[in-house]
Amino acid sequence: MRSAANKALKGSAIFWYVTAVIGQWLFVAYVASFYGGAAMAGNFERWNEVLVGGYVKGGTIGNVALATHLLLAIIITVGGPLQLIPYLRARALPFHRWNGRLYLLTAIVMSLTGLYAVWTRGTAGGFSMRFGISINAVLIVICVAMAWRYALARKIAVHRRWALRAFILVSGVWFFRVGLMLWIIANSGPVGIGGKGFDGPFVRFWAYGCYLLPLAVLELYLLAQGRSGPAGKLAMAGLLFVLSAGVGIGIFGAFMGMWLPRMAGG
């Protein structure tokens, strides 16, 4: 029973990981195609089709901060999932270490540039989104610092837990979009979104839930992995399978409804 429970928990984690990586790399393709394509064409104003207060003519510092944030988002979303592959950790330790350093450093810079952009340029969703993004950024910096600290101390098990927390928090922007589309699909329309103001009750909730709920699920997974008996592991495995299916639906909705149309219209 215990062996079967362990296999089920491991299998559910792999299923979630594969689903998430597919979704995150589709998001990278969108960011590179839309934002990168517009930049290569010298049409930075096109960013404003998506971003509130995105590109501002003459606003050099803010524009550089935003461009840096977008570029780092691509780097971190490609490199982050590679850190979670056990084979690379075991067989390519130098790569794991250097990619990890790059990931953690990028996470800090991306958080700071994101904070600057949000509070100087604004964002859709008003104060709730600004405050939610700000808390997310602060938590990222804390988790990155802890992951780095325990890596230097060679306390690898503790380092792993903090690195996983950082990964989940860094993925907050992605979770927001995927969860938003899952909500819209489940309700057959934008219920609670708030129209053009984008400040409805669901948006206000999801501004925080997009990273706090996945973080809570991670904590449950770590608890089940380390301390739970077979029943707890099986329950966690079932929850992960269900959540992975929901994430998959959200990814499909986000790709077809938000990302692909802008990639195709490039």
Foldseek 3Di string as FASTA:
>chain_A
DQVVLLVLLVVLVVLLLVLVLVLLVLVLVLLCLQCVVCVVVVNNVSVVVPWQLADDVPPVVLNVLNVLLSVLSNLLSVLLSVLVDVCCVVPVVVCNVVSLVSNLVSLLSNLVSVLVNCVPRNGAQPPLLNVLSNVLSVLLNVLSVQLVVCVVVVVVVSSVLSSVLNSLSSCLVVLLQLVQLLVCVVVVHNPQLPPPSRHGPVSSVSSNCSRPVVSVLSVLSVCCNPPDGSVSSNVNSVVSNVVSVSSNSSSVRCCVPPRVVSSVVD
